[in-house]
C-alpha atoms as a PDB file:
ATOM      1  CA  MET A   1      -8.804 -34.849  13.460  1.00  0.00           C
ATOM      2  CA  LYS A   2      -7.040 -31.929  11.515  1.00  0.00           C
ATOM      3  CA  ILE A   3      -9.071 -29.084  10.374  1.00  0.00           C
ATOM      4  CA  ALA A   4      -7.932 -26.174   8.246  1.00  0.00           C
ATOM      5  CA  ILE A   5      -9.361 -22.608   9.163  1.00  0.00           C
ATOM      6  CA  THR A   6      -8.978 -19.733   6.754  1.00  0.00           C
ATOM      7  CA  THR A   7      -7.345 -16.823   8.502  1.00  0.00           C
ATOM      8  CA  SER A   8      -6.179 -13.316   7.562  1.00  0.00           C
ATOM      9  CA  GLY A   9      -3.706 -13.381  10.518  1.00  0.00           C
ATOM     10  CA  ALA A  10      -1.197 -15.924  11.818  1.00  0.00           C
ATOM     11  CA  ASP A  11      -2.686 -17.157  15.162  1.00  0.00           C
ATOM     12  CA  LEU A  12      -5.776 -18.244  16.785  1.00  0.00           C
ATOM     13  CA  ASP A  13      -6.981 -14.778  17.653  1.00  0.00           C
ATOM     14  CA  ALA A  14      -6.872 -13.673  14.060  1.00  0.00           C
ATOM     15  CA  PRO A  15     -10.094 -13.184  11.992  1.00  0.00           C
ATOM     16  CA  VAL A  16     -11.552 -16.068  10.024  1.00  0.00           C
ATOM     17  CA  ASP A  17     -10.921 -15.277   6.222  1.00  0.00           C
ATOM     18  CA  PRO A  18     -14.172 -14.942   4.371  1.00  0.00           C
ATOM     19  CA  ARG A  19     -12.339 -16.467   1.128  1.00  0.00           C
ATOM     20  CA  PHE A  20     -10.986 -20.058   0.715  1.00  0.00           C
ATOM     21  CA  GLY A  21      -8.870 -19.982  -2.224  1.00  0.00           C
ATOM     22  CA  ARG A  22      -7.603 -16.392  -1.650  1.00  0.00           C
ATOM     23  CA  ALA A  23      -7.389 -16.475   2.352  1.00  0.00           C
ATOM     24  CA  LYS A  24      -4.179 -15.034   3.505  1.00  0.00           C
ATOM     25  CA  ALA A  25      -3.267 -18.427   5.280  1.00  0.00           C
ATOM     26  CA  PHE A  26      -4.572 -21.645   6.935  1.00  0.00           C
ATOM     27  CA  VAL A  27      -4.425 -22.621  10.429  1.00  0.00           C
ATOM     28  CA  ILE A  28      -4.165 -26.325  10.594  1.00  0.00           C
ATOM     29  CA  TYR A  29      -5.590 -27.361  14.079  1.00  0.00           C
ATOM     30  CA  ASP A  30      -5.377 -30.989  15.352  1.00  0.00           C
ATOM     31  CA  THR A  31      -8.675 -31.259  17.462  1.00  0.00           C
ATOM     32  CA  GLU A  32      -7.133 -34.146  19.537  1.00  0.00           C
ATOM     33  CA  SER A  33      -3.784 -32.740  20.729  1.00  0.00           C
ATOM     34  CA  ALA A  34      -4.720 -29.137  20.142  1.00  0.00           C
ATOM     35  CA  ASP A  35      -1.519 -28.604  18.175  1.00  0.00           C
ATOM     36  CA  TRP A  36      -1.639 -25.973  15.299  1.00  0.00           C
ATOM     37  CA  SER A  37       0.445 -24.707  12.668  1.00  0.00           C
ATOM     38  CA  VAL A  38       0.107 -22.008   9.958  1.00  0.00           C
ATOM     39  CA  VAL A  39       0.252 -22.703   6.298  1.00  0.00           C
ATOM     40  CA  ASP A  40       0.918 -19.493   4.000  1.00  0.00           C
ATOM     41  CA  ASN A  41      -1.185 -19.094   1.208  1.00  0.00           C
ATOM     42  CA  ALA A  42       0.291 -16.076  -0.313  1.00  0.00           C
ATOM     43  CA  GLN A  43       1.001 -17.681  -3.607  1.00  0.00           C
ATOM     44  CA  ASN A  44      -2.885 -17.681  -4.310  1.00  0.00           C
ATOM     45  CA  LEU A  45      -3.739 -13.931  -3.018  1.00  0.00           C
ATOM     46  CA  ASN A  46      -3.474 -12.640  -6.701  1.00  0.00           C
ATOM     47  CA  ALA A  47      -3.581 -15.794  -8.860  1.00  0.00           C
ATOM     48  CA  ALA A  48      -5.414 -15.060 -12.145  1.00  0.00           C
ATOM     49  CA  GLN A  49      -7.043 -18.618 -11.808  1.00  0.00           C
ATOM     50  CA  GLY A  50      -6.817 -21.889  -9.960  1.00  0.00           C
ATOM     51  CA  ALA A  51      -6.414 -20.153  -6.415  1.00  0.00           C
ATOM     52  CA  GLY A  52      -9.310 -22.714  -5.185  1.00  0.00           C
ATOM     53  CA  ILE A  53      -7.909 -25.598  -6.500  1.00  0.00           C
ATOM     54  CA  GLN A  54      -4.315 -24.930  -5.440  1.00  0.00           C
ATOM     55  CA  ALA A  55      -5.467 -23.888  -1.684  1.00  0.00           C
ATOM     56  CA  ALA A  56      -7.432 -27.200  -1.758  1.00  0.00           C
ATOM     57  CA  MET A  57      -4.380 -29.222  -2.528  1.00  0.00           C
ATOM     58  CA  ALA A  58      -2.329 -27.298   0.141  1.00  0.00           C
ATOM     59  CA  VAL A  59      -4.807 -28.386   2.851  1.00  0.00           C
ATOM     60  CA  ALA A  60      -4.983 -31.714   1.903  1.00  0.00           C
ATOM     61  CA  ASN A  61      -1.280 -32.034   1.853  1.00  0.00           C
ATOM     62  CA  ALA A  62      -1.301 -30.631   5.265  1.00  0.00           C
ATOM     63  CA  GLY A  63      -3.616 -33.658   6.254  1.00  0.00           C
ATOM     64  CA  ALA A  64      -6.888 -31.716   6.829  1.00  0.00           C
ATOM     65  CA  GLU A  65     -10.022 -33.699   7.034  1.00  0.00           C
ATOM     66  CA  ALA A  66     -12.193 -30.612   7.275  1.00  0.00           C
ATOM     67  CA  VAL A  67     -12.301 -27.070   6.080  1.00  0.00           C
ATOM     68  CA  VAL A  68     -13.731 -24.145   8.157  1.00  0.00           C
ATOM     69  CA  THR A  69     -14.254 -20.784   6.127  1.00  0.00           C
ATOM     70  CA  GLY A  70     -16.427 -17.987   5.184  1.00  0.00           C
ATOM     71  CA  ASN A  71     -17.113 -19.076   1.641  1.00  0.00           C
ATOM     72  CA  CYS A  72     -15.824 -21.758  -0.827  1.00  0.00           C
ATOM     73  CA  GLY A  73     -16.129 -21.553  -4.641  1.00  0.00           C
ATOM     74  CA  PRO A  74     -17.118 -24.393  -6.883  1.00  0.00           C
ATOM     75  CA  LYS A  75     -13.803 -25.550  -8.116  1.00  0.00           C
ATOM     76  CA  ALA A  76     -12.383 -25.646  -4.681  1.00  0.00           C
ATOM     77  CA  PHE A  77     -15.306 -27.316  -3.337  1.00  0.00           C
ATOM     78  CA  ALA A  78     -15.107 -30.029  -5.989  1.00  0.00           C
ATOM     79  CA  THR A  79     -11.444 -30.549  -5.199  1.00  0.00           C
ATOM     80  CA  LEU A  80     -11.991 -30.840  -1.468  1.00  0.00           C
ATOM     81  CA  SER A  81     -14.939 -33.148  -1.952  1.00  0.00           C
ATOM     82  CA  ALA A  82     -12.800 -35.410  -4.224  1.00  0.00           C
ATOM     83  CA  GLY A  83     -10.324 -35.613  -1.289  1.00  0.00           C
ATOM     84  CA  LYS A  84     -13.171 -36.513   0.993  1.00  0.00           C
ATOM     85  CA  ILE A  85     -12.437 -33.303   3.013  1.00  0.00           C
ATOM     86  CA  ALA A  86     -15.745 -31.821   4.480  1.00  0.00           C
ATOM     87  CA  VAL A  87     -16.462 -28.212   3.997  1.00  0.00           C
ATOM     88  CA  TYR A  88     -17.990 -25.709   6.587  1.00  0.00           C
ATOM     89  CA  THR A  89     -18.890 -22.252   5.367  1.00  0.00           C
ATOM     90  CA  ALA A  90     -20.532 -19.105   6.717  1.00  0.00           C
ATOM     91  CA  VAL A  91     -18.297 -18.846   9.463  1.00  0.00           C
ATOM     92  CA  GLY A  92     -16.975 -15.889  11.128  1.00  0.00           C
ATOM     93  CA  GLY A  93     -15.284 -14.557  14.158  1.00  0.00           C
ATOM     94  CA  THR A  94     -11.820 -15.679  15.237  1.00  0.00           C
ATOM     95  CA  VAL A  95     -10.093 -18.737  14.468  1.00  0.00           C
ATOM     96  CA  ARG A  96     -10.329 -19.804  18.183  1.00  0.00           C
ATOM     97  CA  ASP A  97     -13.981 -19.032  18.044  1.00  0.00           C
ATOM     98  CA  ALA A  98     -14.196 -21.332  14.859  1.00  0.00           C
ATOM     99  CA  ILE A  99     -12.330 -24.186  16.564  1.00  0.00           C
ATOM    100  CA  GLU A 100     -14.547 -24.041  19.623  1.00  0.00           C
ATOM    101  CA  LYS A 101     -17.662 -23.927  17.756  1.00  0.00           C
ATOM    102  CA  PHE A 102     -16.667 -26.887  15.268  1.00  0.00           C
ATOM    103  CA  LYS A 103     -15.558 -29.089  18.393  1.00  0.00           C
ATOM    104  CA  ALA A 104     -18.891 -28.512  19.976  1.00  0.00           C
ATOM    105  CA  GLY A 105     -20.515 -29.562  16.834  1.00  0.00           C
ATOM    106  CA  GLN A 106     -22.308 -26.327  15.935  1.00  0.00           C
ATOM    107  CA  PHE A 107     -21.492 -26.216  12.101  1.00  0.00           C
ATOM    108  CA  GLN A 108     -23.104 -28.302   9.506  1.00  0.00           C
ATOM    109  CA  ALA A 109     -21.110 -29.412   6.369  1.00  0.00           C
ATOM    110  CA  ALA A 110     -21.958 -27.382   3.124  1.00  0.00           C
ATOM    111  CA  PRO A 111     -23.685 -29.511   0.430  1.00  0.00           C
ATOM    112  CA  ALA A 112     -22.279 -27.330  -2.319  1.00  0.00           C
ATOM    113  CA  ALA A 113     -20.093 -24.355  -2.903  1.00  0.00           C
ATOM    114  CA  SER A 114     -21.269 -21.131  -1.372  1.00  0.00           C
ATOM    115  CA  VAL A 115     -20.252 -18.626  -4.163  1.00  0.00           C
ATOM    116  CA  ASP A 116     -19.542 -18.413  -7.752  1.00  0.00           C
ATOM    117  CA  SER A 117     -16.007 -18.712  -8.964  1.00  0.00           C
ATOM    118  CA  HIS A 118     -13.708 -15.850  -8.651  1.00  0.00           C
ATOM    119  CA  PHE A 119     -15.234 -14.652  -5.339  1.00  0.00           C
ATOM    120  CA  GLY A 120     -13.270 -11.923  -3.743  1.00  0.00           C
ATOM    121  CA  MET A 121     -11.295 -10.944  -6.640  1.00  0.00           C
ATOM    122  CA  GLY A 122     -13.112  -7.840  -7.433  1.00  0.00           C
ATOM    123  CA  VAL A 123     -14.325  -9.323 -10.640  1.00  0.00           C
END
């Protein structure tokens, strides 16, 4: 299974980014092969609107079946849900920590968005 983890860095020891749509990047990790890559999300860092939707489309296009993040807004959550991508929120620590906890079944899928629109914009 491929999972997308929000990150503010570019490797497995970087912190999990608390924002989904405005995360710096996503680590796409394959839980079966342990292969991973980084998908840049720079185009959404300062987007006036639509960052969550665009980010959701990027992780879907990368083949992710789950998203692990700190928070996820309503538009991104709806887009991910429509794509049958599970969302796991309230995650902190490093990307490596998040992967290990995900593989150990320590997270529960979120039933809804965890924040309102425009979280992390300073609005």
